[in-house]
Amino acid sequence: MSIRRHSIRPKFILLLTAVIIAALAFVVKNQQIKLQEIKTEQAQLTRELNELKIEEQRMQRMIEFAKTEKYLIRYAREKLGYVMPGDILFETGE
């Protein structure tokens, strides 16, 4: 009975190394693509957040204005048709 010795050939090592490098390159590329997608989404969400903060500030100013006498007078004039003493009322016939 003879014992066969198996030796690792340099071509096999080279092929195995190439396969490992290709697999690693594939993983790295996929991670870079995913990272770019996440960065793009983060930028979009940051813009939306900033827009919502601006809208929130506008709404807060509107709420504060609605608590003032000036708002009540404007509302009474524009929506309810009231006039202040000394004002001249023009009727358009509508």
N, C-alpha and C. Protein backbone atom coordinates (compact mmCIF):
# COMPACT_ATOMS: atom_id res chain seq x y z
N MET A 1 0.84 -1.16 0.00
CA MET A 1 0.00 0.00 0.00
C MET A 1 0.89 1.24 0.00
N SER A 2 0.62 2.11 -0.92
CA SER A 2 1.45 3.30 -1.01
C SER A 2 0.69 4.50 -0.47
N ILE A 3 1.40 5.36 0.13
CA ILE A 3 0.80 6.57 0.69
C ILE A 3 1.03 7.70 -0.31
N ARG A 4 -0.07 8.29 -0.74
CA ARG A 4 0.04 9.43 -1.65
C ARG A 4 0.13 10.70 -0.84
N ARG A 5 1.05 11.46 -1.18
CA ARG A 5 1.18 12.75 -0.49
C ARG A 5 0.52 13.81 -1.37
N HIS A 6 -0.35 14.52 -0.75
CA HIS A 6 -1.01 15.62 -1.46
C HIS A 6 -0.30 16.91 -1.10
N SER A 7 0.12 17.55 -2.10
CA SER A 7 0.76 18.84 -1.83
C SER A 7 -0.10 19.94 -2.43
N ILE A 8 -0.05 21.04 -1.78
CA ILE A 8 -0.83 22.19 -2.26
C ILE A 8 -0.03 22.86 -3.36
N ARG A 9 -0.67 22.99 -4.47
CA ARG A 9 0.00 23.56 -5.62
C ARG A 9 -0.10 25.09 -5.58
N PRO A 10 0.88 25.77 -6.08
CA PRO A 10 0.84 27.24 -6.11
C PRO A 10 -0.33 27.79 -6.90
N LYS A 11 -0.75 27.09 -7.95
CA LYS A 11 -1.92 27.55 -8.73
C LYS A 11 -3.18 27.54 -7.87
N PHE A 12 -3.32 26.51 -7.03
CA PHE A 12 -4.48 26.43 -6.15
C PHE A 12 -4.46 27.58 -5.14
N ILE A 13 -3.32 27.87 -4.57
CA ILE A 13 -3.20 28.97 -3.60
C ILE A 13 -3.53 30.29 -4.28
N LEU A 14 -3.04 30.47 -5.48
CA LEU A 14 -3.33 31.69 -6.23
C LEU A 14 -4.82 31.81 -6.53
N LEU A 15 -5.43 30.72 -6.95
CA LEU A 15 -6.87 30.72 -7.23
C LEU A 15 -7.68 31.00 -5.97
N LEU A 16 -7.31 30.35 -4.88
CA LEU A 16 -8.01 30.57 -3.61
C LEU A 16 -7.86 32.02 -3.16
N THR A 17 -6.68 32.57 -3.30
CA THR A 17 -6.45 33.96 -2.93
C THR A 17 -7.30 34.90 -3.80
N ALA A 18 -7.37 34.63 -5.09
CA ALA A 18 -8.17 35.46 -6.00
C ALA A 18 -9.64 35.40 -5.64
N VAL A 19 -10.14 34.21 -5.29
CA VAL A 19 -11.55 34.06 -4.90
C VAL A 19 -11.84 34.84 -3.62
N ILE A 20 -10.94 34.75 -2.66
CA ILE A 20 -11.13 35.46 -1.38
C ILE A 20 -11.10 36.97 -1.62
N ILE A 21 -10.17 37.45 -2.43
CA ILE A 21 -10.08 38.89 -2.73
C ILE A 21 -11.34 39.35 -3.46
N ALA A 22 -11.83 38.57 -4.40
CA ALA A 22 -13.05 38.92 -5.13
C ALA A 22 -14.25 38.98 -4.19
N ALA A 23 -14.33 38.02 -3.28
CA ALA A 23 -15.44 38.01 -2.32
C ALA A 23 -15.37 39.24 -1.40
N LEU A 24 -14.18 39.55 -0.93
CA LEU A 24 -14.02 40.73 -0.07
C LEU A 24 -14.34 42.02 -0.82
N ALA A 25 -13.90 42.10 -2.08
CA ALA A 25 -14.21 43.29 -2.89
C ALA A 25 -15.71 43.43 -3.08
N PHE A 26 -16.39 42.32 -3.30
CA PHE A 26 -17.84 42.34 -3.46
C PHE A 26 -18.52 42.85 -2.19
N VAL A 27 -18.09 42.36 -1.05
CA VAL A 27 -18.68 42.77 0.23
C VAL A 27 -18.42 44.26 0.48
N VAL A 28 -17.18 44.69 0.24
CA VAL A 28 -16.83 46.10 0.46
C VAL A 28 -17.66 47.00 -0.46
N LYS A 29 -17.78 46.62 -1.73
CA LYS A 29 -18.56 47.42 -2.68
C LYS A 29 -20.02 47.51 -2.24
N ASN A 30 -20.60 46.41 -1.82
CA ASN A 30 -21.99 46.42 -1.34
C ASN A 30 -22.14 47.31 -0.11
N GLN A 31 -21.16 47.27 0.77
CA GLN A 31 -21.21 48.12 1.97
C GLN A 31 -21.11 49.59 1.59
N GLN A 32 -20.27 49.91 0.61
CA GLN A 32 -20.15 51.29 0.16
C GLN A 32 -21.46 51.78 -0.45
N ILE A 33 -22.10 50.94 -1.24
CA ILE A 33 -23.38 51.30 -1.85
C ILE A 33 -24.42 51.53 -0.76
N LYS A 34 -24.49 50.64 0.20
CA LYS A 34 -25.46 50.77 1.29
C LYS A 34 -25.17 52.03 2.12
N LEU A 35 -23.90 52.30 2.39
CA LEU A 35 -23.53 53.49 3.15
C LEU A 35 -23.95 54.75 2.41
N GLN A 36 -23.75 54.78 1.10
CA GLN A 36 -24.17 55.94 0.31
C GLN A 36 -25.68 56.11 0.35
N GLU A 37 -26.41 55.02 0.27
CA GLU A 37 -27.88 55.08 0.36
C GLU A 37 -28.30 55.65 1.72
N ILE A 38 -27.64 55.20 2.77
CA ILE A 38 -27.96 55.69 4.11
C ILE A 38 -27.64 57.17 4.23
N LYS A 39 -26.51 57.60 3.69
CA LYS A 39 -26.14 59.02 3.73
C LYS A 39 -27.14 59.87 2.96
N THR A 40 -27.59 59.38 1.82
CA THR A 40 -28.58 60.10 1.03
C THR A 40 -29.90 60.21 1.80
N GLU A 41 -30.31 59.12 2.40
CA GLU A 41 -31.56 59.13 3.18
C GLU A 41 -31.42 60.05 4.39
N GLN A 42 -30.26 60.04 5.03
CA GLN A 42 -30.03 60.90 6.18
C GLN A 42 -30.11 62.38 5.77
N ALA A 43 -29.53 62.72 4.62
CA ALA A 43 -29.58 64.10 4.14
C ALA A 43 -31.02 64.52 3.86
N GLN A 44 -31.79 63.62 3.26
CA GLN A 44 -33.19 63.92 2.97
C GLN A 44 -33.98 64.11 4.27
N LEU A 45 -33.76 63.23 5.23
CA LEU A 45 -34.47 63.34 6.49
C LEU A 45 -34.06 64.59 7.27
N THR A 46 -32.80 64.98 7.15
CA THR A 46 -32.34 66.21 7.80
C THR A 46 -33.03 67.41 7.17
N ARG A 47 -33.15 67.43 5.84
CA ARG A 47 -33.88 68.53 5.18
C ARG A 47 -35.33 68.57 5.64
N GLU A 48 -35.98 67.41 5.68
CA GLU A 48 -37.37 67.35 6.12
C GLU A 48 -37.51 67.84 7.56
N LEU A 49 -36.58 67.44 8.42
CA LEU A 49 -36.61 67.87 9.81
C LEU A 49 -36.48 69.39 9.90
N ASN A 50 -35.55 69.96 9.14
CA ASN A 50 -35.38 71.41 9.15
C ASN A 50 -36.64 72.12 8.66
N GLU A 51 -37.26 71.59 7.61
CA GLU A 51 -38.51 72.16 7.10
C GLU A 51 -39.61 72.09 8.16
N LEU A 52 -39.68 70.96 8.86
CA LEU A 52 -40.70 70.81 9.90
C LEU A 52 -40.44 71.75 11.08
N LYS A 53 -39.18 71.97 11.40
CA LYS A 53 -38.86 72.92 12.48
C LYS A 53 -39.28 74.33 12.10
N ILE A 54 -39.04 74.70 10.84
CA ILE A 54 -39.46 76.02 10.36
C ILE A 54 -40.99 76.13 10.42
N GLU A 55 -41.67 75.08 9.99
CA GLU A 55 -43.14 75.07 10.04
C GLU A 55 -43.64 75.16 11.48
N GLU A 56 -42.97 74.46 12.38
CA GLU A 56 -43.35 74.51 13.79
C GLU A 56 -43.20 75.93 14.34
N GLN A 57 -42.10 76.59 13.99
CA GLN A 57 -41.90 77.97 14.44
C GLN A 57 -42.98 78.88 13.89
N ARG A 58 -43.33 78.69 12.62
CA ARG A 58 -44.40 79.50 12.01
C ARG A 58 -45.72 79.28 12.73
N MET A 59 -46.01 78.02 13.03
CA MET A 59 -47.26 77.71 13.73
C MET A 59 -47.26 78.31 15.15
N GLN A 60 -46.11 78.26 15.82
CA GLN A 60 -46.03 78.86 17.15
C GLN A 60 -46.29 80.36 17.09
N ARG A 61 -45.73 81.03 16.07
CA ARG A 61 -45.98 82.47 15.91
C ARG A 61 -47.46 82.73 15.65
N MET A 62 -48.08 81.86 14.84
CA MET A 62 -49.51 82.02 14.56
C MET A 62 -50.34 81.84 15.83
N ILE A 63 -49.96 80.87 16.64
CA ILE A 63 -50.68 80.63 17.90
C ILE A 63 -50.54 81.84 18.81
N GLU A 64 -49.33 82.37 18.91
CA GLU A 64 -49.11 83.55 19.75
C GLU A 64 -49.88 84.75 19.22
N PHE A 65 -49.90 84.91 17.89
CA PHE A 65 -50.65 86.02 17.30
C PHE A 65 -52.14 85.85 17.55
N ALA A 66 -52.64 84.61 17.51
CA ALA A 66 -54.07 84.36 17.72
C ALA A 66 -54.50 84.74 19.14
N LYS A 67 -53.55 84.85 20.06
CA LYS A 67 -53.89 85.22 21.43
C LYS A 67 -53.93 86.73 21.64
N THR A 68 -53.60 87.50 20.60
CA THR A 68 -53.53 88.95 20.75
C THR A 68 -54.85 89.63 20.40
N GLU A 69 -54.99 90.84 20.90
CA GLU A 69 -56.19 91.65 20.59
C GLU A 69 -56.20 92.03 19.11
N LYS A 70 -55.02 92.27 18.57
CA LYS A 70 -54.92 92.63 17.15
C LYS A 70 -55.53 91.53 16.28
N TYR A 71 -55.30 90.27 16.62
CA TYR A 71 -55.87 89.16 15.86
C TYR A 71 -57.40 89.15 16.00
N LEU A 72 -57.86 89.34 17.22
CA LEU A 72 -59.31 89.34 17.44
C LEU A 72 -60.00 90.42 16.62
N ILE A 73 -59.39 91.60 16.57
CA ILE A 73 -59.96 92.70 15.79
C ILE A 73 -59.96 92.33 14.30
N ARG A 74 -58.85 91.81 13.82
CA ARG A 74 -58.76 91.41 12.41
C ARG A 74 -59.79 90.34 12.08
N TYR A 75 -59.92 89.34 12.96
CA TYR A 75 -60.88 88.27 12.73
C TYR A 75 -62.30 88.81 12.70
N ALA A 76 -62.61 89.68 13.65
CA ALA A 76 -63.96 90.26 13.71
C ALA A 76 -64.27 91.04 12.43
N ARG A 77 -63.29 91.76 11.93
CA ARG A 77 -63.50 92.55 10.71
C ARG A 77 -63.61 91.65 9.48
N GLU A 78 -62.67 90.75 9.31
CA GLU A 78 -62.61 89.97 8.08
C GLU A 78 -63.64 88.85 8.02
N LYS A 79 -63.86 88.16 9.11
CA LYS A 79 -64.73 86.99 9.09
C LYS A 79 -66.17 87.29 9.52
N LEU A 80 -66.29 88.21 10.47
CA LEU A 80 -67.62 88.48 11.01
C LEU A 80 -68.24 89.76 10.46
N GLY A 81 -67.45 90.55 9.77
CA GLY A 81 -67.98 91.77 9.15
C GLY A 81 -68.18 92.92 10.13
N TYR A 82 -67.58 92.88 11.28
CA TYR A 82 -67.72 93.97 12.25
C TYR A 82 -66.86 95.16 11.81
N VAL A 83 -67.27 96.33 12.30
CA VAL A 83 -66.50 97.54 12.05
C VAL A 83 -66.25 98.23 13.38
N MET A 84 -65.16 98.99 13.41
CA MET A 84 -64.83 99.75 14.61
C MET A 84 -65.51 101.11 14.52
N PRO A 85 -65.75 101.74 15.66
CA PRO A 85 -66.32 103.10 15.62
C PRO A 85 -65.40 104.01 14.80
N GLY A 86 -65.98 104.77 13.90
CA GLY A 86 -65.21 105.66 13.07
C GLY A 86 -64.82 105.05 11.72
N ASP A 87 -64.99 103.71 11.56
CA ASP A 87 -64.70 103.07 10.28
C ASP A 87 -65.85 103.34 9.31
N ILE A 88 -65.53 103.36 8.05
CA ILE A 88 -66.54 103.53 7.00
C ILE A 88 -66.75 102.17 6.36
N LEU A 89 -67.98 101.73 6.30
CA LEU A 89 -68.32 100.44 5.74
C LEU A 89 -68.77 100.61 4.29
N PHE A 90 -68.12 99.92 3.40
CA PHE A 90 -68.51 99.92 1.99
C PHE A 90 -69.15 98.57 1.71
N GLU A 91 -70.36 98.62 1.19
CA GLU A 91 -71.03 97.39 0.82
C GLU A 91 -70.94 97.23 -0.68
N THR A 92 -70.58 96.03 -1.11
CA THR A 92 -70.38 95.77 -2.53
C THR A 92 -71.62 95.15 -3.17
N GLY A 93 -72.59 94.83 -2.40
CA GLY A 93 -73.82 94.26 -2.94
C GLY A 93 -73.75 92.77 -3.18
N GLU A 94 -72.81 92.11 -2.62
CA GLU A 94 -72.69 90.67 -2.82
C GLU A 94 -73.62 89.93 -1.91
